[in-house]
């Protein structure tokens, strides 16, 4: 679109004269209006710019006046076409982006669902309340898996009375403890009390994790204790997370069932020797695989010093010269029949 010219009174008088004459005659208009030829020539250029003058169809050198309505139509035709094109492009852009709206809304819905299905439990009181509340609400089954690593605020220990109460009122309770925890008198006592209340208790060399499942609805998964060497400024993991997503809870239950099938029946309260035997079998299995003392201790959740004391007893009993020899010798003589083979199969 040409640069806009704002016609003044002189433009109007000159244009009127052109209309009266039937063409733009510079000499006649200059004479009638008393203007210089240069001024009239400038007015002619402005009227051409405004499409108020156009070449005659019979003689291109003759400029004839055009009605302002026709001139305006001609003048704004191209900008109007550009505006229509832009409007169509705007509508097309909106329609293309609107196609993504269902995906956006579904993503928002799933995100909200995820935020509801995974609830970080940050404070000790919050963890205790959640465990107590879910234990009292549960009407089907409670599954407990303990590796023996420290848990935030002694969570499981604090809920022991509620577990006993649940077992006594008919709720099925199954618990898996690490073999190594049997040497802990408190844990041993808890296991015996649970068994006496009707719970089923087994031990495993290396349980899958530390968690409690309440039926098929809720799982409490415990994290690791904060590392003293953790980088400053790093975001710590929450001590525990409450999981309500049915798919995740189902996966955790399946993992527990696999560990349960591979676990051994727990010894009774007078079975310290048997408990020690289970622990030593776990040590022997790891020695036979060539693991070092510190790795064995870490995998079984005990101190290296205590682990080495057990290894020394095993080596003396088997008359072995090395740790690896002790593991292999125990395997060859049948003391070890397979990783975490249930007692019912031995």
Protein backbone atom coordinates (compact mmCIF):
# COMPACT_ATOMS: atom_id res chain seq x y z
CA UNK A 1 0.00 0.00 0.00
CA UNK A 2 1.47 3.43 -0.96
CA UNK A 3 2.32 5.92 1.71
CA UNK A 4 -0.84 7.67 2.79
CA UNK A 5 -1.38 11.20 1.51
CA UNK A 6 -3.79 13.41 3.41
CA UNK A 7 -5.44 15.63 0.79
CA UNK A 8 -5.91 19.25 1.83
CA UNK A 9 -8.15 22.03 0.48
CA UNK A 10 -5.91 22.64 -2.51
CA UNK A 11 -6.07 18.95 -3.46
CA UNK A 12 -9.86 19.11 -3.21
CA UNK A 13 -10.12 22.26 -5.39
CA UNK A 14 -7.71 20.86 -7.99
CA UNK A 15 -9.56 17.53 -8.05
CA UNK A 16 -12.89 19.40 -8.43
CA UNK A 17 -11.52 21.33 -11.41
CA UNK A 18 -10.35 18.05 -13.02
CA UNK A 19 -13.84 16.60 -12.59
CA UNK A 20 -15.41 19.74 -14.13
CA UNK A 21 -13.01 19.68 -17.08
CA UNK A 22 -13.13 15.88 -17.46
CA UNK A 23 -9.37 15.45 -17.19
CA UNK A 24 -6.44 16.81 -15.20
CA UNK A 25 -5.10 19.75 -17.18
CA UNK A 26 -2.18 21.17 -15.23
CA UNK A 27 -2.12 24.51 -17.16
CA UNK A 28 -5.85 25.13 -16.78
CA UNK A 29 -5.90 24.19 -13.07
CA UNK A 30 -2.84 26.37 -12.37
CA UNK A 31 -4.51 29.29 -14.14
CA UNK A 32 -7.88 28.88 -12.39
CA UNK A 33 -6.43 28.32 -8.90
CA UNK A 34 -3.53 30.73 -9.32
CA UNK A 35 -0.90 28.12 -8.49
CA UNK A 36 2.61 27.61 -9.75
CA UNK A 37 3.24 24.75 -12.19
CA UNK A 38 5.45 23.04 -9.54
CA UNK A 39 2.63 23.10 -6.97
CA UNK A 40 0.13 21.74 -9.46
CA UNK A 41 2.56 18.99 -10.47
CA UNK A 42 2.88 17.93 -6.80
CA UNK A 43 -0.91 17.83 -6.43
CA UNK A 44 -1.11 15.66 -9.58
CA UNK A 45 1.38 13.14 -8.13
CA UNK A 46 -0.59 13.00 -4.85
CA UNK A 47 -3.90 12.40 -6.68
CA UNK A 48 -2.27 9.60 -8.69
CA UNK A 49 -0.99 8.05 -5.48
CA UNK A 50 -4.52 8.15 -4.08
CA UNK A 51 -5.87 6.49 -7.26
CA UNK A 52 -8.09 9.59 -7.82
CA UNK A 53 -6.45 10.03 -11.24
CA UNK A 54 -6.00 7.20 -13.72
CA UNK A 55 -4.80 7.07 -17.35
CA UNK A 56 -7.60 7.26 -19.92
CA UNK A 57 -8.43 4.06 -21.74
CA UNK A 58 -8.05 5.92 -25.06
CA UNK A 59 -4.91 7.93 -24.29
CA UNK A 60 -2.44 6.94 -21.55
CA UNK A 61 -1.10 10.49 -21.42
CA UNK A 62 -4.49 11.86 -20.40
CA UNK A 63 -5.37 11.55 -16.70
CA UNK A 64 -9.08 11.34 -15.90
CA UNK A 65 -10.61 11.71 -12.40
CA UNK A 66 -12.06 8.65 -10.61
CA UNK A 67 -14.73 8.66 -7.90
CA UNK A 68 -13.32 8.52 -4.35
CA UNK A 69 -15.32 5.28 -3.68
CA UNK A 70 -13.69 3.52 -6.64
CA UNK A 71 -10.29 4.92 -5.69
CA UNK A 72 -10.71 3.68 -2.09
CA UNK A 73 -11.71 0.21 -3.32
CA UNK A 74 -8.63 0.03 -5.53
CA UNK A 75 -6.37 1.46 -2.85
CA UNK A 76 -7.34 -0.98 -0.06
CA UNK A 77 -7.81 -4.12 -2.20
CA UNK A 78 -4.29 -5.46 -1.67
CA UNK A 79 -4.17 -4.72 2.09
CA UNK A 80 -7.62 -6.29 2.52
CA UNK A 81 -6.40 -9.41 0.65
CA UNK A 82 -3.39 -9.53 2.97
CA UNK A 83 -5.66 -9.16 6.01
CA UNK A 84 -7.94 -11.98 4.81
CA UNK A 85 -4.88 -14.18 4.24
CA UNK A 86 -3.60 -13.41 7.74
CA UNK A 87 -7.03 -14.13 9.23
CA UNK A 88 -7.13 -17.49 7.46
CA UNK A 89 -3.63 -18.27 8.74
CA UNK A 90 -4.68 -17.32 12.28
CA UNK A 91 -7.75 -19.57 12.09
CA UNK A 92 -5.62 -22.43 10.69
CA UNK A 93 -3.06 -22.02 13.48
CA UNK A 94 -5.78 -22.12 16.11
CA UNK A 95 -7.31 -25.25 14.57
CA UNK A 96 -3.92 -27.01 14.40
CA UNK A 97 -3.15 -26.22 18.03
CA UNK A 98 -6.66 -27.18 19.15
CA UNK A 99 -5.88 -30.73 17.95
CA UNK A 100 -3.32 -30.95 20.76
CA UNK A 101 -5.82 -29.93 23.45
CA UNK A 102 -7.05 -33.53 24.18
CA UNK A 103 -3.42 -34.70 24.65
CA UNK A 104 -2.75 -31.75 26.97
CA UNK A 105 -5.86 -32.39 29.06
CA UNK A 106 -5.11 -36.12 29.26
CA UNK A 107 -1.54 -35.37 30.33
CA UNK A 108 -2.81 -33.03 33.03
CA UNK A 109 -5.24 -35.70 34.21
CA UNK A 110 -2.53 -38.37 34.35
CA UNK A 111 -0.16 -36.00 36.14
CA UNK A 112 -2.79 -35.20 38.75
CA UNK A 113 -3.49 -38.92 39.11
CA UNK A 114 0.23 -39.65 39.52
CA UNK A 115 0.59 -36.93 42.14
CA UNK A 116 -2.29 -38.51 44.05
CA UNK A 117 -0.95 -42.05 43.64
CA UNK A 118 2.58 -41.23 44.91
CA UNK A 119 2.63 -39.37 48.22
CA UNK A 120 6.06 -38.56 49.71
CA UNK A 121 6.13 -39.07 53.48
CA UNK A 122 8.66 -36.56 54.77
CA UNK A 123 8.17 -36.39 58.54
CA UNK A 124 8.49 -39.12 61.17
CA UNK A 125 5.04 -38.42 62.62
CA UNK A 126 3.54 -38.53 59.13
CA UNK A 127 5.06 -41.97 58.51
CA UNK A 128 3.88 -43.34 61.86
CA UNK A 129 0.37 -41.98 61.32
CA UNK A 130 0.17 -43.46 57.81
CA UNK A 131 1.31 -46.90 59.01
CA UNK A 132 -1.08 -46.88 61.97
CA UNK A 133 -3.99 -45.65 59.88
CA UNK A 134 -3.49 -48.16 57.06
CA UNK A 135 -3.00 -51.05 59.50
CA UNK A 136 -6.31 -50.23 61.19
CA UNK A 137 -8.11 -49.76 57.86
CA UNK A 138 -6.83 -52.95 56.22
CA UNK A 139 -9.40 -55.74 55.99
CA UNK A 140 -7.57 -58.27 53.79
CA UNK A 141 -3.83 -58.81 54.10
CA UNK A 142 -0.67 -57.05 55.29
CA UNK A 143 2.67 -57.96 53.70
CA UNK A 144 5.93 -56.87 55.32
CA UNK A 145 9.42 -57.06 53.80
CA UNK A 146 12.46 -56.10 55.92
CA UNK A 147 16.06 -56.06 54.75
CA UNK A 148 17.39 -55.02 58.14
CA UNK A 149 18.70 -51.59 57.09
CA UNK A 150 17.73 -48.75 59.42
CA UNK A 151 14.29 -47.33 58.72
CA UNK A 152 13.22 -43.74 59.34
CA UNK A 153 12.00 -43.16 62.91
CA UNK A 154 11.97 -46.93 63.59
CA UNK A 155 8.75 -47.06 61.55
CA UNK A 156 8.15 -50.80 61.58
CA UNK A 157 9.12 -51.17 65.20
CA UNK A 158 6.63 -48.49 66.20
CA UNK A 159 3.80 -50.23 64.31
CA UNK A 160 4.51 -53.67 65.86
CA UNK A 161 1.54 -53.43 68.29
CA UNK A 162 -0.82 -52.61 65.39
CA UNK A 163 0.54 -55.57 63.40
CA UNK A 164 -0.07 -57.88 66.35
CA UNK A 165 -3.60 -56.52 66.74
CA UNK A 166 -4.30 -56.99 63.02
CA UNK A 167 -3.10 -60.61 63.15
CA UNK A 168 -5.20 -61.31 66.26
CA UNK A 169 -8.37 -59.93 64.67
CA UNK A 170 -8.00 -62.22 61.68
CA UNK A 171 -6.13 -60.09 59.17
CA UNK A 172 -3.65 -62.24 57.26
CA UNK A 173 -0.13 -60.99 58.01
CA UNK A 174 2.95 -62.28 56.20
CA UNK A 175 6.43 -61.01 56.95
CA UNK A 176 9.84 -61.62 55.36
CA UNK A 177 12.96 -60.78 57.35
CA UNK A 178 16.59 -61.00 56.36
CA UNK A 179 18.45 -64.00 57.76
CA UNK A 180 21.01 -61.67 59.35
CA UNK A 181 18.36 -59.84 61.40
CA UNK A 182 17.68 -63.04 63.35
CA UNK A 183 20.77 -62.27 65.40
CA UNK A 184 18.98 -59.13 66.64
CA UNK A 185 17.06 -60.11 69.78
CA UNK A 186 14.44 -57.38 69.31
CA UNK A 187 13.67 -58.53 65.77
CA UNK A 188 13.69 -62.14 66.90
CA UNK A 189 11.17 -61.32 69.63
CA UNK A 190 8.94 -59.41 67.19
CA UNK A 191 8.96 -62.37 64.80
CA UNK A 192 8.06 -64.78 67.57
CA UNK A 193 5.20 -62.55 68.77
CA UNK A 194 3.84 -62.20 65.24
CA UNK A 195 3.95 -65.96 64.71
CA UNK A 196 2.18 -66.52 68.03
CA UNK A 197 -0.54 -64.04 66.99
CA UNK A 198 -1.16 -66.02 63.79
CA UNK A 199 1.12 -64.25 61.31
CA UNK A 200 3.26 -66.17 58.83
CA UNK A 201 6.95 -65.31 59.09
CA UNK A 202 9.83 -66.33 56.83
CA UNK A 203 13.44 -65.33 56.32
CA UNK A 204 15.40 -64.65 53.15
CA UNK A 205 19.07 -64.06 52.47
CA UNK A 206 18.37 -60.84 50.59
CA UNK A 207 14.76 -59.62 50.54
CA UNK A 208 13.84 -57.44 47.56
CA UNK A 209 13.33 -54.25 49.54
CA UNK A 210 11.83 -52.56 52.58
CA UNK A 211 8.10 -52.13 52.16
CA UNK A 212 4.69 -52.81 53.65
CA UNK A 213 1.68 -53.65 51.49
CA UNK A 214 -1.87 -53.17 52.73
CA UNK A 215 -4.09 -55.38 50.59
CA UNK A 216 -4.09 -54.37 46.95
CA UNK A 217 -4.69 -50.69 47.62
CA UNK A 218 -1.66 -49.14 49.33
CA UNK A 219 2.06 -49.79 49.63
CA UNK A 220 4.54 -47.94 51.85
CA UNK A 221 8.03 -48.08 50.32
CA UNK A 222 10.92 -47.02 52.52
CA UNK A 223 13.94 -45.17 51.14
CA UNK A 224 17.53 -45.19 52.26
CA UNK A 225 18.86 -43.27 55.19
CA UNK A 226 20.54 -40.01 54.05
CA UNK A 227 24.19 -40.62 53.23
CA UNK A 228 26.71 -38.64 55.31
CA UNK A 229 28.73 -38.15 52.11
CA UNK A 230 25.79 -36.78 50.12
CA UNK A 231 26.58 -33.60 48.22
CA UNK A 232 25.40 -30.41 49.87
CA UNK A 233 22.48 -28.84 48.07
CA UNK A 234 21.31 -32.14 46.57
CA UNK A 235 17.64 -32.98 47.02
CA UNK A 236 17.34 -35.85 49.53
CA UNK A 237 15.01 -38.74 48.87
CA UNK A 238 11.90 -38.78 51.06
CA UNK A 239 12.18 -41.30 53.92
CA UNK A 240 9.13 -43.14 52.59
CA UNK A 241 6.54 -42.98 49.82
CA UNK A 242 2.90 -44.05 49.93
CA UNK A 243 1.92 -45.72 46.64
CA UNK A 244 -1.72 -46.01 45.60
CA UNK A 245 -1.37 -46.72 41.89
CA UNK A 246 -2.92 -50.14 41.28
CA UNK A 247 -0.33 -51.15 38.67
CA UNK A 248 2.64 -50.29 40.89
CA UNK A 249 1.08 -51.91 43.97
CA UNK A 250 0.40 -55.04 41.90
CA UNK A 251 4.03 -55.15 40.77
CA UNK A 252 5.25 -54.80 44.36
CA UNK A 253 2.94 -57.63 45.45
CA UNK A 254 4.29 -59.86 42.67
CA UNK A 255 7.86 -59.08 43.79
CA UNK A 256 6.93 -59.92 47.38
CA UNK A 257 5.35 -63.23 46.32
CA UNK A 258 8.52 -64.25 44.48
CA UNK A 259 10.59 -63.52 47.57
CA UNK A 260 8.04 -65.34 49.74
CA UNK A 261 8.24 -68.49 47.62
CA UNK A 262 12.04 -68.44 47.88
CA UNK A 263 12.14 -67.69 51.62
CA UNK A 264 12.62 -70.13 54.48
CA UNK A 265 10.31 -70.75 57.41
CA UNK A 266 11.47 -68.69 60.37
CA UNK A 267 12.79 -70.49 63.46
CA UNK A 268 10.80 -70.40 66.68
CA UNK A 269 11.93 -68.44 69.73
CA UNK A 270 14.20 -71.26 70.84
CA UNK A 271 15.75 -71.70 67.43
CA UNK A 272 18.84 -69.54 67.83
CA UNK A 273 21.06 -72.31 66.50
CA UNK A 274 18.83 -72.71 63.48
CA UNK A 275 18.79 -68.97 62.97
CA UNK A 276 22.56 -68.91 63.08
CA UNK A 277 22.62 -71.82 60.63
CA UNK A 278 20.47 -69.89 58.15
CA UNK A 279 22.79 -66.91 58.45
CA UNK A 280 25.89 -69.01 57.93
CA UNK A 281 24.32 -70.66 54.88
CA UNK A 282 23.77 -67.22 53.39
CA UNK A 283 27.40 -66.35 54.09
CA UNK A 284 28.61 -69.59 52.50
CA UNK A 285 26.54 -68.98 49.35
CA UNK A 286 28.14 -65.57 48.90
CA UNK A 287 31.64 -66.90 49.64
CA UNK A 288 31.13 -69.59 47.00
CA UNK A 289 30.42 -66.79 44.50
CA UNK A 290 33.78 -65.18 45.34
CA UNK A 291 32.51 -62.10 47.20
CA UNK A 292 34.84 -60.35 49.64
CA UNK A 293 34.12 -59.93 53.36
CA UNK A 294 32.89 -56.34 53.10
CA UNK A 295 30.54 -57.21 50.22
CA UNK A 296 29.15 -60.20 52.12
CA UNK A 297 28.62 -58.07 55.22
CA UNK A 298 26.91 -55.32 53.26
CA UNK A 299 24.63 -57.75 51.41
CA UNK A 300 23.61 -59.42 54.67
CA UNK A 301 23.18 -56.19 56.60
CA UNK A 302 25.81 -56.71 59.31
CA UNK A 303 29.14 -55.24 60.33
CA UNK A 304 32.31 -56.50 58.63
CA UNK A 305 33.74 -57.52 62.02
CA UNK A 306 30.71 -59.64 62.86
CA UNK A 307 30.71 -61.15 59.37
CA UNK A 308 34.39 -62.14 59.68
CA UNK A 309 33.68 -63.82 63.00
CA UNK A 310 31.04 -65.99 61.33
CA UNK A 311 33.38 -66.70 58.40
CA UNK A 312 36.09 -67.83 60.80
CA UNK A 313 33.66 -70.22 62.51
CA UNK A 314 32.60 -71.59 59.11
CA UNK A 315 36.21 -72.10 57.99
CA UNK A 316 37.06 -73.90 61.24
CA UNK A 317 34.00 -76.13 60.92
CA UNK A 318 34.82 -77.03 57.30
CA UNK A 319 38.60 -77.15 57.88
CA UNK A 320 39.03 -74.77 54.92
CA UNK A 321 42.18 -72.75 54.21
CA UNK A 322 40.42 -69.88 52.41
CA UNK A 323 37.04 -68.25 52.28
CA UNK A 324 36.41 -69.30 48.70
CA UNK A 325 37.42 -72.87 49.52
CA UNK A 326 34.94 -72.84 52.40
CA UNK A 327 32.14 -71.74 50.08
CA UNK A 328 32.97 -74.26 47.37
CA UNK A 329 33.49 -77.07 49.90
CA UNK A 330 30.11 -76.38 51.51
CA UNK A 331 28.48 -76.45 48.08
CA UNK A 332 30.16 -79.72 47.12
CA UNK A 333 29.28 -81.53 50.34
CA UNK A 334 25.62 -80.53 50.05
CA UNK A 335 25.47 -77.98 52.83
CA UNK A 336 24.27 -75.46 50.26
CA UNK A 337 21.60 -76.66 47.84
CA UNK A 338 20.63 -73.41 46.12
CA UNK A 339 19.98 -69.78 46.72
CA UNK A 340 17.26 -69.20 49.26
CA UNK A 341 15.70 -72.63 48.76
CA UNK A 342 12.57 -72.84 50.95
CA UNK A 343 12.72 -75.08 53.95
CA UNK A 344 9.80 -77.09 52.62
CA UNK A 345 11.94 -78.16 49.65
CA UNK A 346 15.04 -79.16 51.65
